[in-house]
Protein backbone atom coordinates (compact mmCIF):
# COMPACT_ATOMS: atom_id res chain seq x y z
CA MET A 1 183.10 55.32 84.01
CA ALA A 2 181.70 58.38 82.30
CA ASN A 3 182.02 61.74 84.03
CA LEU A 4 178.89 63.15 85.63
CA ASN A 5 179.04 66.31 83.50
CA THR A 6 179.03 64.19 80.33
CA LYS A 7 175.97 62.26 81.48
CA ILE A 8 174.22 65.51 82.45
CA LYS A 9 174.92 66.95 78.98
CA LEU A 10 173.40 63.85 77.38
CA TYR A 11 170.36 63.97 79.69
CA ALA A 12 169.86 67.66 78.97
CA ALA A 13 170.23 67.18 75.21
CA ALA A 14 167.62 64.40 75.32
CA ASN A 15 165.33 66.88 77.06
CA GLY A 16 165.81 69.77 74.65
CA VAL A 17 168.65 71.66 76.32
CA ALA A 18 171.60 72.10 73.96
CA ASN A 19 174.08 74.00 76.16
CA ILE A 20 174.88 73.87 79.84
CA ASP A 21 177.00 76.31 81.79
CA PHE A 22 178.52 74.33 84.66
CA LEU A 23 179.26 77.57 86.52
CA SER A 24 175.65 78.74 86.67
CA ASP A 25 173.14 76.27 85.17
CA VAL A 26 174.36 73.16 86.95
CA LYS A 27 176.92 73.24 89.73
CA LEU A 28 178.72 70.02 90.60
CA GLN A 29 180.51 69.41 93.87
CA ASP A 30 183.04 66.99 95.31
CA ASP A 31 183.33 67.12 99.08
CA GLY A 32 186.83 65.67 98.96
CA ASP A 33 185.73 62.05 98.97
CA GLY A 34 185.91 61.68 95.20
CA VAL A 35 182.14 61.50 94.82
CA VAL A 36 180.88 64.19 92.45
CA TYR A 37 177.22 65.15 92.74
CA ILE A 38 174.79 67.81 91.60
CA HIS A 39 175.00 70.61 94.13
CA GLU A 40 172.75 73.11 92.35
CA TRP A 41 170.32 72.68 89.43
CA ASN A 42 169.12 75.81 87.62
CA LEU A 43 167.81 74.42 84.34
CA ASP A 44 164.18 74.61 83.21
CA ILE A 45 163.98 70.82 83.03
CA ALA A 46 163.59 68.43 85.95
CA GLN A 47 166.76 67.47 87.77
CA PRO A 48 167.57 63.88 86.81
CA THR A 49 167.33 61.06 89.30
CA ALA A 50 170.34 58.87 90.02
CA GLU A 51 168.74 56.16 87.87
CA GLN A 52 168.28 58.57 84.95
CA ILE A 53 171.91 59.68 85.20
CA ALA A 54 173.08 56.05 85.40
CA SER A 55 171.15 55.23 82.22
CA TYR A 56 173.56 57.49 80.29
CA GLU A 57 176.68 55.56 81.35
CA THR A 58 177.20 53.73 78.05
CA ALA A 59 176.42 56.77 75.92
CA GLY A 60 178.70 58.85 78.15
CA ASN A 61 181.58 56.41 77.75
CA THR A 62 181.09 56.47 73.98
CA ALA A 63 180.98 60.28 73.86
CA GLU A 64 184.11 60.60 76.00
CA ALA A 65 186.02 58.03 73.92
CA LEU A 66 185.10 59.90 70.73
CA GLN A 67 186.16 63.22 72.26
CA THR A 68 189.53 61.71 73.22
CA VAL A 69 190.06 60.59 69.61
CA LEU A 70 189.06 64.02 68.28
CA ASN A 71 191.40 65.75 70.74
CA ASN A 72 194.27 63.44 69.76
CA ARG A 73 193.61 64.09 66.08
CA ALA A 74 193.47 67.84 66.63
CA THR A 75 196.92 67.87 68.22
CA SER A 76 198.36 65.44 65.66
CA TYR A 77 197.31 67.21 62.47
CA PRO A 78 199.89 69.48 60.86
CA THR A 79 199.03 73.17 61.16
CA ILE A 80 196.76 74.66 58.50
CA GLN A 81 199.77 76.53 57.08
CA GLU A 82 201.74 73.28 56.83
CA GLN A 83 198.78 71.50 55.22
CA LEU A 84 198.36 74.26 52.63
CA ASP A 85 202.05 74.09 51.85
CA MET A 86 201.82 70.30 51.45
CA GLN A 87 198.85 70.71 49.10
CA TYR A 88 200.68 73.32 47.04
CA TRP A 89 203.77 71.14 46.62
CA ASP A 90 201.65 68.05 45.98
CA GLY A 91 200.06 69.94 43.08
CA ILE A 92 203.45 71.04 41.74
CA ASN A 93 205.20 67.67 42.22
CA ASN A 94 202.21 65.36 41.61
CA THR A 95 202.72 63.79 45.08
CA THR A 96 200.36 62.79 47.92
CA THR A 97 202.22 64.18 50.95
CA TRP A 98 199.14 65.92 52.34
CA LYS A 99 196.81 62.93 51.90
CA ASP A 100 199.44 60.66 53.42
CA ALA A 101 199.84 62.91 56.48
CA ILE A 102 196.08 63.16 57.06
CA THR A 103 195.59 59.43 56.53
CA LYS A 104 198.30 58.67 59.10
CA VAL A 105 196.59 60.85 61.72
CA LYS A 106 193.24 59.19 61.05
CA THR A 107 194.75 55.70 61.04
CA ASP A 108 196.69 56.35 64.25
CA ASN A 109 193.53 57.73 65.92
CA PRO A 110 190.55 55.70 64.67
CA LYS A 111 187.06 56.72 65.79
CA SER A 112 186.31 53.09 66.56
């Protein structure tokens, strides 16, 4: 199940709002029962209904899955310094160490 903040971001983007500050624009609350809801809405677009939020479930799941892949890739890639060193030595030794390393990260963490 997609997080409420993800679905709100998608709703807002569909209504022309690119960025949301969840400390001032939209405040979410959980009263300890595990149910997160919109506590305060300070955007210049209408607050979405429960049905409108629910309509973003599939898109929210897709967005969150993609973000997980991107986060995994980001932590798996060698540092920029290491990549530059690989590229240098690949040029000197006519090898493919850098391409192989990047391909492994992408293969291990496919977008879909």
